[in-house]
Amino acid sequence: MIAVSVGLSPDNLVRELHCTGHAGFAIKGSDIVCAAFTLMLRTFVRTCESSPEARFRVLVDSGGEFKLQLDEAPRNDSFKGVCWFFLRGLDDLSRDFPRQITISYQETLER
């Protein structure tokens, strides 16, 4: 199972992500749930990378653990839309595949 923990700012911007596990829907390399999740996560990270205002750290280990910490998040409408799109996609994926992905949300303090 993929476990996702999302830290949100008071205005619902993604500030932290912690992801572990594998969906287990199919064998590794053929898992559509894992592929969908990976696509959303990579796109979100690449979008953060393309924003000059974003300051973040990413940690990925060989065991499949992923951590993202946004130290400075852009406050523009574009980034708000990216966060909404990413969170909506995660929520839809977890609703469609509740045995393969779980998401928990926490509010984080502003830095």
PDB file of N, CA and C in Angstrom:
ATOM      1  N   MET A   1       0.836  -1.179   0.000  1.00  0.00           N
ATOM      2  CA  MET A   1       0.000   0.000   0.000  1.00  0.00           C
ATOM      3  C   MET A   1       0.880   1.241   0.000  1.00  0.00           C
ATOM      4  N   ILE A   2       0.469   2.246  -0.770  1.00  0.00           N
ATOM      5  CA  ILE A   2       1.139   3.538  -0.752  1.00  0.00           C
ATOM      6  C   ILE A   2       0.498   4.364   0.358  1.00  0.00           C
ATOM      7  N   ALA A   3       1.327   4.864   1.256  1.00  0.00           N
ATOM      8  CA  ALA A   3       0.857   5.747   2.327  1.00  0.00           C
ATOM      9  C   ALA A   3       1.409   7.142   2.056  1.00  0.00           C
ATOM     10  N   VAL A   4       0.512   8.116   2.008  1.00  0.00           N
ATOM     11  CA  VAL A   4       0.889   9.496   1.722  1.00  0.00           C
ATOM     12  C   VAL A   4       0.461  10.370   2.885  1.00  0.00           C
ATOM     13  N   SER A   5       1.393  11.158   3.382  1.00  0.00           N
ATOM     14  CA  SER A   5       1.101  12.157   4.403  1.00  0.00           C
ATOM     15  C   SER A   5       1.357  13.523   3.779  1.00  0.00           C
ATOM     16  N   VAL A   6       0.345  14.388   3.829  1.00  0.00           N
ATOM     17  CA  VAL A   6       0.434  15.709   3.211  1.00  0.00           C
ATOM     18  C   VAL A   6       0.317  16.765   4.294  1.00  0.00           C
ATOM     19  N   GLY A   7       1.310  17.638   4.356  1.00  0.00           N
ATOM     20  CA  GLY A   7       1.252  18.795   5.250  1.00  0.00           C
ATOM     21  C   GLY A   7       0.788  20.003   4.459  1.00  0.00           C
ATOM     22  N   LEU A   8      -0.282  20.626   4.905  1.00  0.00           N
ATOM     23  CA  LEU A   8      -0.868  21.766   4.198  1.00  0.00           C
ATOM     24  C   LEU A   8      -0.724  23.045   5.015  1.00  0.00           C
ATOM     25  N   SER A   9      -0.492  24.147   4.325  1.00  0.00           N
ATOM     26  CA  SER A   9      -0.505  25.451   4.974  1.00  0.00           C
ATOM     27  C   SER A   9      -1.964  25.810   5.272  1.00  0.00           C
ATOM     28  N   PRO A  10      -2.207  26.831   6.093  1.00  0.00           N
ATOM     29  CA  PRO A  10      -3.593  27.226   6.374  1.00  0.00           C
ATOM     30  C   PRO A  10      -4.399  27.581   5.122  1.00  0.00           C
ATOM     31  N   ASP A  11      -3.713  28.004   4.046  1.00  0.00           N
ATOM     32  CA  ASP A  11      -4.437  28.314   2.808  1.00  0.00           C
ATOM     33  C   ASP A  11      -4.363  27.163   1.795  1.00  0.00           C
ATOM     34  N   ASN A  12      -4.143  25.938   2.310  1.00  0.00           N
ATOM     35  CA  ASN A  12      -4.186  24.691   1.529  1.00  0.00           C
ATOM     36  C   ASN A  12      -3.118  24.571   0.446  1.00  0.00           C
ATOM     37  N   LEU A  13      -1.950  25.132   0.695  1.00  0.00           N
ATOM     38  CA  LEU A  13      -0.814  24.895  -0.182  1.00  0.00           C
ATOM     39  C   LEU A  13      -0.028  23.713   0.370  1.00  0.00           C
ATOM     40  N   VAL A  14       0.455  22.863  -0.517  1.00  0.00           N
ATOM     41  CA  VAL A  14       1.265  21.721  -0.091  1.00  0.00           C
ATOM     42  C   VAL A  14       2.589  22.260   0.443  1.00  0.00           C
ATOM     43  N   ARG A  15       2.921  21.897   1.675  1.00  0.00           N
ATOM     44  CA  ARG A  15       4.197  22.298   2.280  1.00  0.00           C
ATOM     45  C   ARG A  15       5.107  21.097   2.522  1.00  0.00           C
ATOM     46  N   GLU A  16       4.502  19.931   2.757  1.00  0.00           N
ATOM     47  CA  GLU A  16       5.268  18.717   3.036  1.00  0.00           C
ATOM     48  C   GLU A  16       4.574  17.518   2.419  1.00  0.00           C
ATOM     49  N   LEU A  17       5.373  16.578   1.954  1.00  0.00           N
ATOM     50  CA  LEU A  17       4.867  15.291   1.474  1.00  0.00           C
ATOM     51  C   LEU A  17       5.771  14.195   2.014  1.00  0.00           C
ATOM     52  N   HIS A  18       5.169  13.122   2.448  1.00  0.00           N
ATOM     53  CA  HIS A  18       5.929  11.931   2.844  1.00  0.00           C
ATOM     54  C   HIS A  18       5.182  10.746   2.250  1.00  0.00           C
ATOM     55  N   CYS A  19       5.865  10.004   1.398  1.00  0.00           N
ATOM     56  CA  CYS A  19       5.244   8.887   0.691  1.00  0.00           C
ATOM     57  C   CYS A  19       6.096   7.637   0.878  1.00  0.00           C
ATOM     58  N   THR A  20       5.432   6.529   1.173  1.00  0.00           N
ATOM     59  CA  THR A  20       6.127   5.254   1.306  1.00  0.00           C
ATOM     60  C   THR A  20       5.277   4.142   0.690  1.00  0.00           C
ATOM     61  N   GLY A  21       5.947   3.063   0.334  1.00  0.00           N
ATOM     62  CA  GLY A  21       5.246   1.856  -0.072  1.00  0.00           C
ATOM     63  C   GLY A  21       5.061   1.693  -1.560  1.00  0.00           C
ATOM     64  N   HIS A  22       4.367   0.633  -1.890  1.00  0.00           N
ATOM     65  CA  HIS A  22       4.029   0.277  -3.263  1.00  0.00           C
ATOM     66  C   HIS A  22       2.560  -0.124  -3.277  1.00  0.00           C
ATOM     67  N   ALA A  23       1.877   0.213  -4.335  1.00  0.00           N
ATOM     68  CA  ALA A  23       0.430  -0.010  -4.394  1.00  0.00           C
ATOM     69  C   ALA A  23       0.049  -1.480  -4.267  1.00  0.00           C
ATOM     70  N   GLY A  24       0.816  -2.370  -4.873  1.00  0.00           N
ATOM     71  CA  GLY A  24       0.492  -3.791  -4.784  1.00  0.00           C
ATOM     72  C   GLY A  24      -0.724  -4.201  -5.594  1.00  0.00           C
ATOM     73  N   PHE A  25      -1.116  -3.382  -6.550  1.00  0.00           N
ATOM     74  CA  PHE A  25      -2.268  -3.705  -7.391  1.00  0.00           C
ATOM     75  C   PHE A  25      -1.890  -4.750  -8.436  1.00  0.00           C
ATOM     76  N   ALA A  26      -0.650  -4.702  -8.883  1.00  0.00           N
ATOM     77  CA  ALA A  26      -0.125  -5.651  -9.875  1.00  0.00           C
ATOM     78  C   ALA A  26       1.376  -5.787  -9.625  1.00  0.00           C
ATOM     79  N   ILE A  27       2.029  -6.639 -10.388  1.00  0.00           N
ATOM     80  CA  ILE A  27       3.462  -6.822 -10.197  1.00  0.00           C
ATOM     81  C   ILE A  27       4.203  -5.524 -10.527  1.00  0.00           C
ATOM     82  N   LYS A  28       5.339  -5.344  -9.881  1.00  0.00           N
ATOM     83  CA  LYS A  28       6.138  -4.145 -10.088  1.00  0.00           C
ATOM     84  C   LYS A  28       6.457  -3.987 -11.574  1.00  0.00           C
ATOM     85  N   GLY A  29       6.248  -2.768 -12.073  1.00  0.00           N
ATOM     86  CA  GLY A  29       6.452  -2.496 -13.486  1.00  0.00           C
ATOM     87  C   GLY A  29       5.177  -2.551 -14.302  1.00  0.00           C
ATOM     88  N   SER A  30       4.109  -3.121 -13.725  1.00  0.00           N
ATOM     89  CA  SER A  30       2.821  -3.238 -14.421  1.00  0.00           C
ATOM     90  C   SER A  30       1.668  -2.673 -13.603  1.00  0.00           C
ATOM     91  N   ASP A  31       1.970  -1.976 -12.535  1.00  0.00           N
ATOM     92  CA  ASP A  31       0.954  -1.505 -11.590  1.00  0.00           C
ATOM     93  C   ASP A  31       0.424  -0.136 -12.010  1.00  0.00           C
ATOM     94  N   ILE A  32      -0.833  -0.092 -12.451  1.00  0.00           N
ATOM     95  CA  ILE A  32      -1.410   1.171 -12.928  1.00  0.00           C
ATOM     96  C   ILE A  32      -1.601   2.184 -11.808  1.00  0.00           C
ATOM     97  N   VAL A  33      -1.858   1.721 -10.597  1.00  0.00           N
ATOM     98  CA  VAL A  33      -2.021   2.643  -9.468  1.00  0.00           C
ATOM     99  C   VAL A  33      -0.681   3.305  -9.152  1.00  0.00           C
ATOM    100  N   CYS A  34       0.359   2.510  -9.091  1.00  0.00           N
ATOM    101  CA  CYS A  34       1.689   3.035  -8.831  1.00  0.00           C
ATOM    102  C   CYS A  34       2.114   3.999  -9.946  1.00  0.00           C
ATOM    103  N   ALA A  35       1.812   3.635 -11.189  1.00  0.00           N
ATOM    104  CA  ALA A  35       2.165   4.491 -12.321  1.00  0.00           C
ATOM    105  C   ALA A  35       1.429   5.831 -12.251  1.00  0.00           C
ATOM    106  N   ALA A  36       0.148   5.799 -11.924  1.00  0.00           N
ATOM    107  CA  ALA A  36      -0.632   7.037 -11.818  1.00  0.00           C
ATOM    108  C   ALA A  36      -0.100   7.917 -10.695  1.00  0.00           C
ATOM    109  N   PHE A  37       0.182   7.299  -9.550  1.00  0.00           N
ATOM    110  CA  PHE A  37       0.704   8.054  -8.420  1.00  0.00           C
ATOM    111  C   PHE A  37       2.068   8.665  -8.755  1.00  0.00           C
ATOM    112  N   THR A  38       2.945   7.867  -9.358  1.00  0.00           N
ATOM    113  CA  THR A  38       4.282   8.347  -9.714  1.00  0.00           C
ATOM    114  C   THR A  38       4.199   9.512 -10.695  1.00  0.00           C
ATOM    115  N   LEU A  39       3.317   9.425 -11.667  1.00  0.00           N
ATOM    116  CA  LEU A  39       3.139  10.499 -12.631  1.00  0.00           C
ATOM    117  C   LEU A  39       2.711  11.787 -11.942  1.00  0.00           C
ATOM    118  N   MET A  40       1.738  11.694 -11.040  1.00  0.00           N
ATOM    119  CA  MET A  40       1.278  12.893 -10.337  1.00  0.00           C
ATOM    120  C   MET A  40       2.379  13.486  -9.465  1.00  0.00           C
ATOM    121  N   LEU A  41       3.089  12.627  -8.749  1.00  0.00           N
ATOM    122  CA  LEU A  41       4.149  13.094  -7.852  1.00  0.00           C
ATOM    123  C   LEU A  41       5.286  13.745  -8.642  1.00  0.00           C
ATOM    124  N   ARG A  42       5.730  13.088  -9.693  1.00  0.00           N
ATOM    125  CA  ARG A  42       6.813  13.654 -10.511  1.00  0.00           C
ATOM    126  C   ARG A  42       6.420  14.987 -11.126  1.00  0.00           C
ATOM    127  N   THR A  43       5.206  15.066 -11.624  1.00  0.00           N
ATOM    128  CA  THR A  43       4.743  16.312 -12.238  1.00  0.00           C
ATOM    129  C   THR A  43       4.683  17.425 -11.203  1.00  0.00           C
ATOM    130  N   PHE A  44       4.208  17.119  -9.999  1.00  0.00           N
ATOM    131  CA  PHE A  44       4.161  18.131  -8.944  1.00  0.00           C
ATOM    132  C   PHE A  44       5.574  18.621  -8.611  1.00  0.00           C
ATOM    133  N   VAL A  45       6.523  17.695  -8.451  1.00  0.00           N
ATOM    134  CA  VAL A  45       7.897  18.075  -8.116  1.00  0.00           C
ATOM    135  C   VAL A  45       8.512  18.892  -9.254  1.00  0.00           C
ATOM    136  N   ARG A  46       8.317  18.469 -10.489  1.00  0.00           N
ATOM    137  CA  ARG A  46       8.885  19.203 -11.621  1.00  0.00           C
ATOM    138  C   ARG A  46       8.280  20.608 -11.734  1.00  0.00           C
ATOM    139  N   THR A  47       7.016  20.735 -11.394  1.00  0.00           N
ATOM    140  CA  THR A  47       6.383  22.049 -11.403  1.00  0.00           C
ATOM    141  C   THR A  47       6.993  22.932 -10.312  1.00  0.00           C
ATOM    142  N   CYS A  48       7.250  22.362  -9.145  1.00  0.00           N
ATOM    143  CA  CYS A  48       7.934  23.119  -8.085  1.00  0.00           C
ATOM    144  C   CYS A  48       9.320  23.549  -8.558  1.00  0.00           C
ATOM    145  N   GLU A  49      10.029  22.655  -9.223  1.00  0.00           N
ATOM    146  CA  GLU A  49      11.372  22.968  -9.730  1.00  0.00           C
ATOM    147  C   GLU A  49      11.354  24.132 -10.718  1.00  0.00           C
ATOM    148  N   SER A  50      10.291  24.249 -11.472  1.00  0.00           N
ATOM    149  CA  SER A  50      10.225  25.292 -12.492  1.00  0.00           C
ATOM    150  C   SER A  50       9.799  26.645 -11.932  1.00  0.00           C
ATOM    151  N   SER A  51       9.443  26.701 -10.670  1.00  0.00           N
ATOM    152  CA  SER A  51       9.029  27.955 -10.045  1.00  0.00           C
ATOM    153  C   SER A  51      10.220  28.588  -9.324  1.00  0.00           C
ATOM    154  N   PRO A  52      10.669  29.758  -9.779  1.00  0.00           N
ATOM    155  CA  PRO A  52      11.839  30.374  -9.147  1.00  0.00           C
ATOM    156  C   PRO A  52      11.596  30.767  -7.688  1.00  0.00           C
ATOM    157  N   GLU A  53      10.344  30.937  -7.293  1.00  0.00           N
ATOM    158  CA  GLU A  53      10.048  31.325  -5.912  1.00  0.00           C
ATOM    159  C   GLU A  53      10.068  30.149  -4.942  1.00  0.00           C
ATOM    160  N   ALA A  54      10.007  28.937  -5.463  1.00  0.00           N
ATOM    161  CA  ALA A  54       9.924  27.747  -4.595  1.00  0.00           C
ATOM    162  C   ALA A  54      11.308  27.367  -4.080  1.00  0.00           C
ATOM    163  N   ARG A  55      11.384  27.137  -2.795  1.00  0.00           N
ATOM    164  CA  ARG A  55      12.591  26.623  -2.149  1.00  0.00           C
ATOM    165  C   ARG A  55      12.186  25.331  -1.453  1.00  0.00           C
ATOM    166  N   PHE A  56      12.774  24.216  -1.886  1.00  0.00           N
ATOM    167  CA  PHE A  56      12.346  22.944  -1.333  1.00  0.00           C
ATOM    168  C   PHE A  56      13.490  21.955  -1.294  1.00  0.00           C
ATOM    169  N   ARG A  57      13.278  20.905  -0.513  1.00  0.00           N
ATOM    170  CA  ARG A  57      14.228  19.802  -0.399  1.00  0.00           C
ATOM    171  C   ARG A  57      13.485  18.513  -0.692  1.00  0.00           C
ATOM    172  N   VAL A  58      14.174  17.600  -1.380  1.00  0.00           N
ATOM    173  CA  VAL A  58      13.605  16.289  -1.690  1.00  0.00           C
ATOM    174  C   VAL A  58      14.574  15.226  -1.202  1.00  0.00           C
ATOM    175  N   LEU A  59      14.025  14.208  -0.565  1.00  0.00           N
ATOM    176  CA  LEU A  59      14.806  13.057  -0.125  1.00  0.00           C
ATOM    177  C   LEU A  59      14.133  11.805  -0.671  1.00  0.00           C
ATOM    178  N   VAL A  60      14.889  11.008  -1.399  1.00  0.00           N
ATOM    179  CA  VAL A  60      14.387   9.739  -1.917  1.00  0.00           C
ATOM    180  C   VAL A  60      15.391   8.674  -1.519  1.00  0.00           C
ATOM    181  N   ASP A  61      14.906   7.598  -0.897  1.00  0.00           N
ATOM    182  CA  ASP A  61      15.846   6.519  -0.565  1.00  0.00           C
ATOM    183  C   ASP A  61      15.545   5.290  -1.420  1.00  0.00           C
ATOM    184  N   SER A  62      16.459   4.364  -1.404  1.00  0.00           N
ATOM    185  CA  SER A  62      16.335   3.182  -2.266  1.00  0.00           C
ATOM    186  C   SER A  62      15.189   2.268  -1.849  1.00  0.00           C
ATOM    187  N   GLY A  63      14.666   2.445  -0.647  1.00  0.00           N
ATOM    188  CA  GLY A  63      13.555   1.627  -0.181  1.00  0.00           C
ATOM    189  C   GLY A  63      12.193   2.134  -0.614  1.00  0.00           C
ATOM    190  N   GLY A  64      12.168   3.222  -1.377  1.00  0.00           N
ATOM    191  CA  GLY A  64      10.892   3.726  -1.869  1.00  0.00           C
ATOM    192  C   GLY A  64      10.286   4.834  -1.032  1.00  0.00           C
ATOM    193  N   GLU A  65      11.034   5.367  -0.080  1.00  0.00           N
ATOM    194  CA  GLU A  65      10.518   6.471   0.731  1.00  0.00           C
ATOM    195  C   GLU A  65      10.837   7.788   0.042  1.00  0.00           C
ATOM    196  N   PHE A  66       9.855   8.689   0.009  1.00  0.00           N
ATOM    197  CA  PHE A  66       9.996   9.990  -0.628  1.00  0.00           C
ATOM    198  C   PHE A  66       9.551  11.057   0.361  1.00  0.00           C
ATOM    199  N   LYS A  67      10.361  12.102   0.489  1.00  0.00           N
ATOM    200  CA  LYS A  67       9.986  13.245   1.335  1.00  0.00           C
ATOM    201  C   LYS A  67      10.242  14.530   0.567  1.00  0.00           C
ATOM    202  N   LEU A  68       9.296  15.438   0.647  1.00  0.00           N
ATOM    203  CA  LEU A  68       9.439  16.766   0.069  1.00  0.00           C
ATOM    204  C   LEU A  68       9.113  17.770   1.159  1.00  0.00           C
ATOM    205  N   GLN A  69       9.959  18.774   1.294  1.00  0.00           N
ATOM    206  CA  GLN A  69       9.743  19.852   2.261  1.00  0.00           C
ATOM    207  C   GLN A  69       9.838  21.167   1.497  1.00  0.00           C
ATOM    208  N   LEU A  70       8.731  21.886   1.397  1.00  0.00           N
ATOM    209  CA  LEU A  70       8.735  23.197   0.754  1.00  0.00           C
ATOM    210  C   LEU A  70       9.033  24.233   1.829  1.00  0.00           C
ATOM    211  N   ASP A  71      10.230  24.812   1.781  1.00  0.00           N
ATOM    212  CA  ASP A  71      10.603  25.827   2.759  1.00  0.00           C
ATOM    213  C   ASP A  71      10.000  27.173   2.394  1.00  0.00           C
ATOM    214  N   GLU A  72       9.899  27.433   1.095  1.00  0.00           N
ATOM    215  CA  GLU A  72       9.234  28.635   0.595  1.00  0.00           C
ATOM    216  C   GLU A  72       8.351  28.238  -0.562  1.00  0.00           C
ATOM    217  N   ALA A  73       7.057  28.469  -0.413  1.00  0.00           N
ATOM    218  CA  ALA A  73       6.114  28.132  -1.482  1.00  0.00           C
ATOM    219  C   ALA A  73       5.645  29.413  -2.151  1.00  0.00           C
ATOM    220  N   PRO A  74       5.536  29.394  -3.467  1.00  0.00           N
ATOM    221  CA  PRO A  74       4.998  30.559  -4.167  1.00  0.00           C
ATOM    222  C   PRO A  74       3.581  30.858  -3.681  1.00  0.00           C
ATOM    223  N   ARG A  75       3.215  32.097  -3.672  1.00  0.00           N
ATOM    224  CA  ARG A  75       1.876  32.505  -3.220  1.00  0.00           C
ATOM    225  C   ARG A  75       0.982  32.935  -4.376  1.00  0.00           C
ATOM    226  N   ASN A  76       1.370  32.571  -5.584  1.00  0.00           N
ATOM    227  CA  ASN A  76       0.586  33.010  -6.735  1.00  0.00           C
ATOM    228  C   ASN A  76      -0.550  32.026  -7.037  1.00  0.00           C
ATOM    229  N   ASP A  77      -1.468  32.492  -7.856  1.00  0.00           N
ATOM    230  CA  ASP A  77      -2.623  31.658  -8.208  1.00  0.00           C
ATOM    231  C   ASP A  77      -2.219  30.408  -8.978  1.00  0.00           C
ATOM    232  N   SER A  78      -1.151  30.507  -9.751  1.00  0.00           N
ATOM    233  CA  SER A  78      -0.686  29.347 -10.518  1.00  0.00           C
ATOM    234  C   SER A  78      -0.289  28.204  -9.585  1.00  0.00           C
ATOM    235  N   PHE A  79       0.478  28.503  -8.558  1.00  0.00           N
ATOM    236  CA  PHE A  79       0.898  27.454  -7.627  1.00  0.00           C
ATOM    237  C   PHE A  79      -0.290  26.927  -6.823  1.00  0.00           C
ATOM    238  N   LYS A  80      -1.217  27.793  -6.472  1.00  0.00           N
ATOM    239  CA  LYS A  80      -2.427  27.329  -5.793  1.00  0.00           C
ATOM    240  C   LYS A  80      -3.186  26.334  -6.671  1.00  0.00           C
ATOM    241  N   GLY A  81      -3.251  26.628  -7.968  1.00  0.00           N
ATOM    242  CA  GLY A  81      -3.915  25.716  -8.901  1.00  0.00           C
ATOM    243  C   GLY A  81      -3.188  24.388  -9.025  1.00  0.00           C
ATOM    244  N   VAL A  82      -1.865  24.437  -9.042  1.00  0.00           N
ATOM    245  CA  VAL A  82      -1.067  23.212  -9.107  1.00  0.00           C
ATOM    246  C   VAL A  82      -1.319  22.355  -7.872  1.00  0.00           C
ATOM    247  N   CYS A  83      -1.343  22.982  -6.706  1.00  0.00           N
ATOM    248  CA  CYS A  83      -1.619  22.245  -5.465  1.00  0.00           C
ATOM    249  C   CYS A  83      -3.010  21.634  -5.496  1.00  0.00           C
ATOM    250  N   TRP A  84      -4.002  22.420  -5.922  1.00  0.00           N
ATOM    251  CA  TRP A  84      -5.372  21.907  -5.996  1.00  0.00           C
ATOM    252  C   TRP A  84      -5.440  20.712  -6.949  1.00  0.00           C
ATOM    253  N   PHE A  85      -4.823  20.832  -8.113  1.00  0.00           N
ATOM    254  CA  PHE A  85      -4.834  19.768  -9.108  1.00  0.00           C
ATOM    255  C   PHE A  85      -4.183  18.502  -8.543  1.00  0.00           C
ATOM    256  N   PHE A  86      -3.019  18.639  -7.905  1.00  0.00           N
ATOM    257  CA  PHE A  86      -2.305  17.508  -7.318  1.00  0.00           C
ATOM    258  C   PHE A  86      -3.124  16.845  -6.218  1.00  0.00           C
ATOM    259  N   LEU A  87      -3.672  17.646  -5.313  1.00  0.00           N
ATOM    260  CA  LEU A  87      -4.449  17.094  -4.198  1.00  0.00           C
ATOM    261  C   LEU A  87      -5.730  16.432  -4.698  1.00  0.00           C
ATOM    262  N   ARG A  88      -6.362  17.007  -5.690  1.00  0.00           N
ATOM    263  CA  ARG A  88      -7.575  16.418  -6.265  1.00  0.00           C
ATOM    264  C   ARG A  88      -7.256  15.067  -6.905  1.00  0.00           C
ATOM    265  N   GLY A  89      -6.137  15.012  -7.625  1.00  0.00           N
ATOM    266  CA  GLY A  89      -5.724  13.753  -8.240  1.00  0.00           C
ATOM    267  C   GLY A  89      -5.435  12.680  -7.213  1.00  0.00           C
ATOM    268  N   LEU A  90      -4.728  13.039  -6.132  1.00  0.00           N
ATOM    269  CA  LEU A  90      -4.459  12.082  -5.054  1.00  0.00           C
ATOM    270  C   LEU A  90      -5.750  11.579  -4.430  1.00  0.00           C
ATOM    271  N   ASP A  91      -6.656  12.512  -4.163  1.00  0.00           N
ATOM    272  CA  ASP A  91      -7.929  12.140  -3.544  1.00  0.00           C
ATOM    273  C   ASP A  91      -8.723  11.200  -4.448  1.00  0.00           C
ATOM    274  N   ASP A  92      -8.790  11.524  -5.730  1.00  0.00           N
ATOM    275  CA  ASP A  92      -9.517  10.658  -6.672  1.00  0.00           C
ATOM    276  C   ASP A  92      -8.886   9.273  -6.747  1.00  0.00           C
ATOM    277  N   LEU A  93      -7.559   9.219  -6.796  1.00  0.00           N
ATOM    278  CA  LEU A  93      -6.871   7.931  -6.867  1.00  0.00           C
ATOM    279  C   LEU A  93      -7.136   7.091  -5.620  1.00  0.00           C
ATOM    280  N   SER A  94      -7.120   7.729  -4.460  1.00  0.00           N
ATOM    281  CA  SER A  94      -7.361   6.980  -3.222  1.00  0.00           C
ATOM    282  C   SER A  94      -8.815   6.525  -3.107  1.00  0.00           C
ATOM    283  N   ARG A  95      -9.732   7.273  -3.685  1.00  0.00           N
ATOM    284  CA  ARG A  95     -11.145   6.848  -3.680  1.00  0.00           C
ATOM    285  C   ARG A  95     -11.371   5.675  -4.632  1.00  0.00           C
ATOM    286  N   ASP A  96     -10.692   5.724  -5.780  1.00  0.00           N
ATOM    287  CA  ASP A  96     -10.842   4.649  -6.767  1.00  0.00           C
ATOM    288  C   ASP A  96     -10.120   3.374  -6.342  1.00  0.00           C
ATOM    289  N   PHE A  97      -9.036   3.515  -5.580  1.00  0.00           N
ATOM    290  CA  PHE A  97      -8.218   2.366  -5.172  1.00  0.00           C
ATOM    291  C   PHE A  97      -7.909   2.444  -3.671  1.00  0.00           C
ATOM    292  N   PRO A  98      -8.928   2.326  -2.825  1.00  0.00           N
ATOM    293  CA  PRO A  98      -8.729   2.512  -1.381  1.00  0.00           C
ATOM    294  C   PRO A  98      -7.842   1.457  -0.725  1.00  0.00           C
ATOM    295  N   ARG A  99      -7.670   0.309  -1.344  1.00  0.00           N
ATOM    296  CA  ARG A  99      -6.791  -0.721  -0.775  1.00  0.00           C
ATOM    297  C   ARG A  99      -5.335  -0.520  -1.178  1.00  0.00           C
ATOM    298  N   GLN A 100      -5.113   0.379  -2.142  1.00  0.00           N
ATOM    299  CA  GLN A 100      -3.761   0.573  -2.650  1.00  0.00           C
ATOM    300  C   GLN A 100      -3.118   1.886  -2.202  1.00  0.00           C
ATOM    301  N   ILE A 101      -3.916   2.877  -1.817  1.00  0.00           N
ATOM    302  CA  ILE A 101      -3.353   4.173  -1.433  1.00  0.00           C
ATOM    303  C   ILE A 101      -4.183   4.817  -0.329  1.00  0.00           C
ATOM    304  N   THR A 102      -3.483   5.297   0.690  1.00  0.00           N
ATOM    305  CA  THR A 102      -4.138   6.044   1.765  1.00  0.00           C
ATOM    306  C   THR A 102      -3.462   7.405   1.883  1.00  0.00           C
ATOM    307  N   ILE A 103      -4.260   8.390   2.240  1.00  0.00           N
ATOM    308  CA  ILE A 103      -3.744   9.750   2.372  1.00  0.00           C
ATOM    309  C   ILE A 103      -4.182  10.310   3.717  1.00  0.00           C
ATOM    310  N   SER A 104      -3.244  10.931   4.405  1.00  0.00           N
ATOM    311  CA  SER A 104      -3.595  11.678   5.614  1.00  0.00           C
ATOM    312  C   SER A 104      -3.133  13.122   5.423  1.00  0.00           C
ATOM    313  N   TYR A 105      -3.894  14.032   5.987  1.00  0.00           N
ATOM    314  CA  TYR A 105      -3.615  15.455   5.863  1.00  0.00           C
ATOM    315  C   TYR A 105      -3.380  16.063   7.242  1.00  0.00           C
ATOM    316  N   GLN A 106      -2.394  16.945   7.309  1.00  0.00           N
ATOM    317  CA  GLN A 106      -2.122  17.687   8.535  1.00  0.00           C
ATOM    318  C   GLN A 106      -1.904  19.151   8.159  1.00  0.00           C
ATOM    319  N   GLU A 107      -2.264  20.023   9.066  1.00  0.00           N
ATOM    320  CA  GLU A 107      -1.964  21.438   8.852  1.00  0.00           C
ATOM    321  C   GLU A 107      -0.560  21.717   9.381  1.00  0.00           C
ATOM    322  N   THR A 108       0.211  22.422   8.602  1.00  0.00           N
ATOM    323  CA  THR A 108       1.572  22.772   9.021  1.00  0.00           C
ATOM    324  C   THR A 108       1.623  24.259   9.371  1.00  0.00           C
ATOM    325  N   LEU A 109       2.566  24.594  10.202  1.00  0.00           N
ATOM    326  CA  LEU A 109       2.758  25.992  10.567  1.00  0.00           C
ATOM    327  C   LEU A 109       3.552  26.703   9.485  1.00  0.00           C
ATOM    328  N   GLU A 110       3.235  27.962   9.287  1.00  0.00           N
ATOM    329  CA  GLU A 110       3.990  28.761   8.320  1.00  0.00           C
ATOM    330  C   GLU A 110       5.393  28.976   8.833  1.00  0.00           C
ATOM    331  N   ARG A 111       6.335  29.028   7.925  1.00  0.00           N
ATOM    332  CA  ARG A 111       7.737  29.282   8.285  1.00  0.00           C
ATOM    333  C   ARG A 111       8.075  30.706   7.976  1.00  0.00           C
TER     334      ARG A 111
END
